[in-house]
C-alpha atoms as a PDB file:
ATOM      1  CA  UNK A   1      24.784 -31.418 -60.240  1.00  0.00           C
ATOM      2  CA  UNK A   2      23.811 -31.511 -56.594  1.00  0.00           C
ATOM      3  CA  UNK A   3      27.312 -30.664 -55.513  1.00  0.00           C
ATOM      4  CA  UNK A   4      27.334 -27.715 -57.962  1.00  0.00           C
ATOM      5  CA  UNK A   5      24.100 -26.388 -56.328  1.00  0.00           C
ATOM      6  CA  UNK A   6      25.296 -26.999 -52.849  1.00  0.00           C
ATOM      7  CA  UNK A   7      28.636 -25.209 -53.532  1.00  0.00           C
ATOM      8  CA  UNK A   8      26.738 -22.214 -55.160  1.00  0.00           C
ATOM      9  CA  UNK A   9      24.360 -21.863 -52.247  1.00  0.00           C
ATOM     10  CA  UNK A  10      27.366 -22.243 -49.761  1.00  0.00           C
ATOM     11  CA  UNK A  11      29.212 -19.419 -51.739  1.00  0.00           C
ATOM     12  CA  UNK A  12      26.186 -17.215 -51.669  1.00  0.00           C
ATOM     13  CA  UNK A  13      25.672 -17.706 -47.956  1.00  0.00           C
ATOM     14  CA  UNK A  14      29.274 -17.215 -47.251  1.00  0.00           C
ATOM     15  CA  UNK A  15      29.286 -13.906 -49.203  1.00  0.00           C
ATOM     16  CA  UNK A  16      26.172 -12.707 -47.326  1.00  0.00           C
ATOM     17  CA  UNK A  17      27.611 -13.604 -43.901  1.00  0.00           C
ATOM     18  CA  UNK A  18      30.828 -11.825 -44.818  1.00  0.00           C
ATOM     19  CA  UNK A  19      28.926  -8.660 -45.685  1.00  0.00           C
ATOM     20  CA  UNK A  20      26.869  -8.754 -42.580  1.00  0.00           C
ATOM     21  CA  UNK A  21      29.888  -9.496 -40.416  1.00  0.00           C
ATOM     22  CA  UNK A  22      31.822  -6.530 -42.023  1.00  0.00           C
ATOM     23  CA  UNK A  23      28.953  -4.152 -41.247  1.00  0.00           C
ATOM     24  CA  UNK A  24      28.771  -5.537 -37.617  1.00  0.00           C
ATOM     25  CA  UNK A  25      32.499  -4.998 -37.308  1.00  0.00           C
ATOM     26  CA  UNK A  26      32.214  -1.461 -38.454  1.00  0.00           C
ATOM     27  CA  UNK A  27      29.448  -0.707 -36.000  1.00  0.00           C
ATOM     28  CA  UNK A  28      31.314  -2.316 -33.224  1.00  0.00           C
ATOM     29  CA  UNK A  29      34.428  -0.284 -33.991  1.00  0.00           C
ATOM     30  CA  UNK A  30      32.324   2.975 -33.893  1.00  0.00           C
ATOM     31  CA  UNK A  31      30.745   1.859 -30.546  1.00  0.00           C
ATOM     32  CA  UNK A  32      34.156   1.171 -29.144  1.00  0.00           C
ATOM     33  CA  UNK A  33      35.445   4.493 -30.376  1.00  0.00           C
ATOM     34  CA  UNK A  34      32.544   6.318 -28.792  1.00  0.00           C
ATOM     35  CA  UNK A  35      33.129   4.521 -25.454  1.00  0.00           C
ATOM     36  CA  UNK A  36      36.879   5.272 -25.627  1.00  0.00           C
ATOM     37  CA  UNK A  37      38.057   1.629 -25.978  1.00  0.00           C
ATOM     38  CA  UNK A  38      41.207   1.159 -28.040  1.00  0.00           C
ATOM     39  CA  UNK A  39      40.537  -0.930 -31.190  1.00  0.00           C
ATOM     40  CA  UNK A  40      43.570  -3.035 -32.335  1.00  0.00           C
ATOM     41  CA  UNK A  41      43.942  -5.331 -35.277  1.00  0.00           C
ATOM     42  CA  UNK A  42      41.581  -8.077 -34.765  1.00  0.00           C
ATOM     43  CA  UNK A  43      42.765 -11.629 -35.298  1.00  0.00           C
ATOM     44  CA  UNK A  44      39.460 -12.644 -36.894  1.00  0.00           C
ATOM     45  CA  UNK A  45      39.753 -10.025 -39.678  1.00  0.00           C
ATOM     46  CA  UNK A  46      43.219 -11.044 -40.675  1.00  0.00           C
ATOM     47  CA  UNK A  47      42.592 -14.818 -40.490  1.00  0.00           C
ATOM     48  CA  UNK A  48      42.309 -16.617 -43.847  1.00  0.00           C
ATOM     49  CA  UNK A  49      38.949 -17.869 -44.868  1.00  0.00           C
ATOM     50  CA  UNK A  50      38.141 -21.569 -44.559  1.00  0.00           C
ATOM     51  CA  UNK A  51      37.581 -23.446 -47.827  1.00  0.00           C
ATOM     52  CA  UNK A  52      35.342 -26.016 -46.326  1.00  0.00           C
ATOM     53  CA  UNK A  53      32.767 -26.289 -43.562  1.00  0.00           C
ATOM     54  CA  UNK A  54      33.566 -28.413 -40.511  1.00  0.00           C
ATOM     55  CA  UNK A  55      31.162 -31.281 -39.836  1.00  0.00           C
ATOM     56  CA  UNK A  56      28.347 -30.676 -37.317  1.00  0.00           C
ATOM     57  CA  UNK A  57      29.003 -31.322 -33.654  1.00  0.00           C
ATOM     58  CA  UNK A  58      27.086 -34.567 -33.749  1.00  0.00           C
ATOM     59  CA  UNK A  59      29.418 -36.106 -36.366  1.00  0.00           C
ATOM     60  CA  UNK A  60      32.762 -34.842 -34.783  1.00  0.00           C
ATOM     61  CA  UNK A  61      34.892 -37.414 -32.997  1.00  0.00           C
ATOM     62  CA  UNK A  62      34.704 -36.856 -29.258  1.00  0.00           C
ATOM     63  CA  UNK A  63      37.763 -34.981 -27.910  1.00  0.00           C
ATOM     64  CA  UNK A  64      38.828 -31.901 -26.060  1.00  0.00           C
ATOM     65  CA  UNK A  65      37.344 -28.609 -27.174  1.00  0.00           C
ATOM     66  CA  UNK A  66      39.735 -26.433 -29.355  1.00  0.00           C
ATOM     67  CA  UNK A  67      41.778 -24.088 -27.204  1.00  0.00           C
ATOM     68  CA  UNK A  68      42.463 -20.466 -28.006  1.00  0.00           C
ATOM     69  CA  UNK A  69      45.996 -19.926 -29.133  1.00  0.00           C
ATOM     70  CA  UNK A  70      48.104 -17.949 -26.610  1.00  0.00           C
ATOM     71  CA  UNK A  71      48.868 -15.300 -29.183  1.00  0.00           C
ATOM     72  CA  UNK A  72      45.232 -14.145 -29.208  1.00  0.00           C
ATOM     73  CA  UNK A  73      44.808 -11.480 -26.482  1.00  0.00           C
ATOM     74  CA  UNK A  74      41.886 -11.799 -24.106  1.00  0.00           C
ATOM     75  CA  UNK A  75      40.028  -8.481 -23.625  1.00  0.00           C
ATOM     76  CA  UNK A  76      38.508  -7.985 -20.282  1.00  0.00           C
ATOM     77  CA  UNK A  77      35.562  -5.776 -20.091  1.00  0.00           C
ATOM     78  CA  UNK A  78      35.078  -3.716 -16.853  1.00  0.00           C
ATOM     79  CA  UNK A  79      31.527  -2.679 -16.236  1.00  0.00           C
ATOM     80  CA  UNK A  80      31.683   0.997 -15.304  1.00  0.00           C
ATOM     81  CA  UNK A  81      29.906   1.882 -12.085  1.00  0.00           C
ATOM     82  CA  UNK A  82      26.536   3.621 -12.650  1.00  0.00           C
ATOM     83  CA  UNK A  83      25.953   6.930 -11.056  1.00  0.00           C
ATOM     84  CA  UNK A  84      23.227   6.819  -8.387  1.00  0.00           C
ATOM     85  CA  UNK A  85      19.872   7.787  -9.812  1.00  0.00           C
ATOM     86  CA  UNK A  86      18.363  11.050  -8.406  1.00  0.00           C
ATOM     87  CA  UNK A  87      15.472  10.346  -6.162  1.00  0.00           C
ATOM     88  CA  UNK A  88      12.162  11.957  -6.971  1.00  0.00           C
ATOM     89  CA  UNK A  89      10.079  13.888  -4.436  1.00  0.00           C
ATOM     90  CA  UNK A  90       6.713  13.092  -6.069  1.00  0.00           C
ATOM     91  CA  UNK A  91       5.351  10.821  -8.725  1.00  0.00           C
ATOM     92  CA  UNK A  92       5.605  11.751 -12.387  1.00  0.00           C
ATOM     93  CA  UNK A  93       2.446  13.371 -13.705  1.00  0.00           C
ATOM     94  CA  UNK A  94       0.240  11.128 -15.698  1.00  0.00           C
ATOM     95  CA  UNK A  95      -1.980  11.944 -18.638  1.00  0.00           C
ATOM     96  CA  UNK A  96      -5.606  11.977 -17.550  1.00  0.00           C
ATOM     97  CA  UNK A  97      -8.782  11.938 -19.547  1.00  0.00           C
ATOM     98  CA  UNK A  98     -11.585  14.289 -19.031  1.00  0.00           C
ATOM     99  CA  UNK A  99     -11.489  17.855 -17.756  1.00  0.00           C
ATOM    100  CA  UNK A 100      -8.170  19.502 -16.883  1.00  0.00           C
ATOM    101  CA  UNK A 101      -7.295  19.928 -13.207  1.00  0.00           C
ATOM    102  CA  UNK A 102      -8.054  23.623 -12.988  1.00  0.00           C
ATOM    103  CA  UNK A 103     -11.598  23.189 -14.538  1.00  0.00           C
ATOM    104  CA  UNK A 104     -12.290  20.336 -12.192  1.00  0.00           C
ATOM    105  CA  UNK A 105     -11.303  22.433  -9.170  1.00  0.00           C
ATOM    106  CA  UNK A 106     -13.502  25.355 -10.194  1.00  0.00           C
ATOM    107  CA  UNK A 107     -16.527  23.113 -10.808  1.00  0.00           C
ATOM    108  CA  UNK A 108     -16.296  21.409  -7.457  1.00  0.00           C
ATOM    109  CA  UNK A 109     -15.888  24.773  -5.686  1.00  0.00           C
ATOM    110  CA  UNK A 110     -18.845  26.370  -7.643  1.00  0.00           C
ATOM    111  CA  UNK A 111     -21.143  23.286  -7.263  1.00  0.00           C
ATOM    112  CA  UNK A 112     -22.148  23.689  -3.591  1.00  0.00           C
ATOM    113  CA  UNK A 113     -23.242  27.289  -4.019  1.00  0.00           C
ATOM    114  CA  UNK A 114     -25.364  26.595  -7.082  1.00  0.00           C
ATOM    115  CA  UNK A 115     -26.816  23.212  -6.102  1.00  0.00           C
ATOM    116  CA  UNK A 116     -27.010  22.525  -2.399  1.00  0.00           C
ATOM    117  CA  UNK A 117     -26.171  19.053  -1.276  1.00  0.00           C
ATOM    118  CA  UNK A 118     -29.295  17.117  -0.170  1.00  0.00           C
ATOM    119  CA  UNK A 119     -27.441  15.492   2.641  1.00  0.00           C
ATOM    120  CA  UNK A 120     -26.772  18.757   4.443  1.00  0.00           C
ATOM    121  CA  UNK A 121     -30.111  20.296   3.736  1.00  0.00           C
ATOM    122  CA  UNK A 122     -32.551  17.341   4.223  1.00  0.00           C
ATOM    123  CA  UNK A 123     -32.825  15.127   7.320  1.00  0.00           C
ATOM    124  CA  UNK A 124     -34.476  11.865   6.366  1.00  0.00           C
ATOM    125  CA  UNK A 125     -37.165  10.228   8.513  1.00  0.00           C
ATOM    126  CA  UNK A 126     -38.378   6.698   8.626  1.00  0.00           C
ATOM    127  CA  UNK A 127     -41.431   6.230   6.331  1.00  0.00           C
ATOM    128  CA  UNK A 128     -40.602   9.240   4.253  1.00  0.00           C
ATOM    129  CA  UNK A 129     -41.250   9.076   0.442  1.00  0.00           C
ATOM    130  CA  UNK A 130     -37.997   9.530  -1.567  1.00  0.00           C
ATOM    131  CA  UNK A 131     -36.547   8.993  -4.924  1.00  0.00           C
ATOM    132  CA  UNK A 132     -33.032   7.487  -5.426  1.00  0.00           C
ATOM    133  CA  UNK A 133     -30.677   6.885  -8.309  1.00  0.00           C
ATOM    134  CA  UNK A 134     -29.255   3.534  -9.139  1.00  0.00           C
ATOM    135  CA  UNK A 135     -27.477   2.712 -12.406  1.00  0.00           C
ATOM    136  CA  UNK A 136     -29.247   4.659 -15.222  1.00  0.00           C
ATOM    137  CA  UNK A 137     -32.631   4.874 -13.602  1.00  0.00           C
ATOM    138  CA  UNK A 138     -34.405   6.535 -10.679  1.00  0.00           C
ATOM    139  CA  UNK A 139     -36.797   4.779  -8.309  1.00  0.00           C
ATOM    140  CA  UNK A 140     -39.521   5.819  -5.805  1.00  0.00           C
ATOM    141  CA  UNK A 141     -39.000   4.375  -2.354  1.00  0.00           C
ATOM    142  CA  UNK A 142     -39.782   4.740   1.369  1.00  0.00           C
ATOM    143  CA  UNK A 143     -37.076   5.236   4.019  1.00  0.00           C
ATOM    144  CA  UNK A 144     -36.695   2.105   6.200  1.00  0.00           C
ATOM    145  CA  UNK A 145     -33.579   3.130   8.362  1.00  0.00           C
ATOM    146  CA  UNK A 146     -30.948   5.820   8.513  1.00  0.00           C
ATOM    147  CA  UNK A 147     -27.224   5.442   9.309  1.00  0.00           C
ATOM    148  CA  UNK A 148     -25.950   8.969   9.972  1.00  0.00           C
ATOM    149  CA  UNK A 149     -22.463   7.799  10.850  1.00  0.00           C
ATOM    150  CA  UNK A 150     -21.981   5.991   7.448  1.00  0.00           C
ATOM    151  CA  UNK A 151     -24.206   8.710   5.659  1.00  0.00           C
ATOM    152  CA  UNK A 152     -26.473   5.985   4.092  1.00  0.00           C
ATOM    153  CA  UNK A 153     -30.162   5.317   3.927  1.00  0.00           C
ATOM    154  CA  UNK A 154     -31.890   2.008   3.725  1.00  0.00           C
ATOM    155  CA  UNK A 155     -34.865   2.393   1.424  1.00  0.00           C
ATOM    156  CA  UNK A 156     -37.602   0.027   0.174  1.00  0.00           C
ATOM    157  CA  UNK A 157     -38.676   0.313  -3.462  1.00  0.00           C
ATOM    158  CA  UNK A 158     -42.341   0.974  -4.046  1.00  0.00           C
ATOM    159  CA  UNK A 159     -42.442  -1.169  -7.236  1.00  0.00           C
ATOM    160  CA  UNK A 160     -40.982  -4.482  -5.874  1.00  0.00           C
ATOM    161  CA  UNK A 161     -40.358  -3.904  -2.162  1.00  0.00           C
ATOM    162  CA  UNK A 162     -36.704  -4.586  -2.438  1.00  0.00           C
ATOM    163  CA  UNK A 163     -34.585  -3.054   0.295  1.00  0.00           C
ATOM    164  CA  UNK A 164     -31.426  -1.125  -0.933  1.00  0.00           C
ATOM    165  CA  UNK A 165     -28.789   0.811   0.984  1.00  0.00           C
ATOM    166  CA  UNK A 166     -27.888   4.090  -0.739  1.00  0.00           C
ATOM    167  CA  UNK A 167     -25.688   7.094   0.176  1.00  0.00           C
ATOM    168  CA  UNK A 168     -27.287  10.402   1.153  1.00  0.00           C
ATOM    169  CA  UNK A 169     -26.238  12.092  -2.080  1.00  0.00           C
ATOM    170  CA  UNK A 170     -28.083   9.551  -4.243  1.00  0.00           C
ATOM    171  CA  UNK A 171     -31.347   9.986  -2.380  1.00  0.00           C
ATOM    172  CA  UNK A 172     -33.743  13.018  -2.744  1.00  0.00           C
ATOM    173  CA  UNK A 173     -37.030  13.775  -1.097  1.00  0.00           C
ATOM    174  CA  UNK A 174     -40.028  12.901  -3.403  1.00  0.00           C
END
């Protein structure tokens, strides 16, 4: 009974493999035809099917590996040389989030005329009362020092006397 089951499973697997191999062979022939490679009669297709399965490699007696018969031709594949890729002059455009480029340009051009930059219109002095933005909040502070070269202001918070360095555009007169 076990042999019957084993042979039934073996036959079903053999049939499935034969179908799959037949489809693979058809696809390979189409690919070869597309690539312009001549397809001759394949020895594997005309070879008779084996009745029994050979034993696994672990149970085979040690010996030389089976050699290919000289009647079977060896097909050498030559890799065609790829054409050189064209060089790009600039990077490919990437999708960006937010406003389109044109809208971004117009807003940056229009912004200075409608809202003057505090860095250009206000010169900070030591001891001056200012407000600055940090994170989501704004704080009242006094100017401690100014670095015109780096365009930063060192301010001291009124609430907790903590000193913070902020850029000119984040600081406004109180």
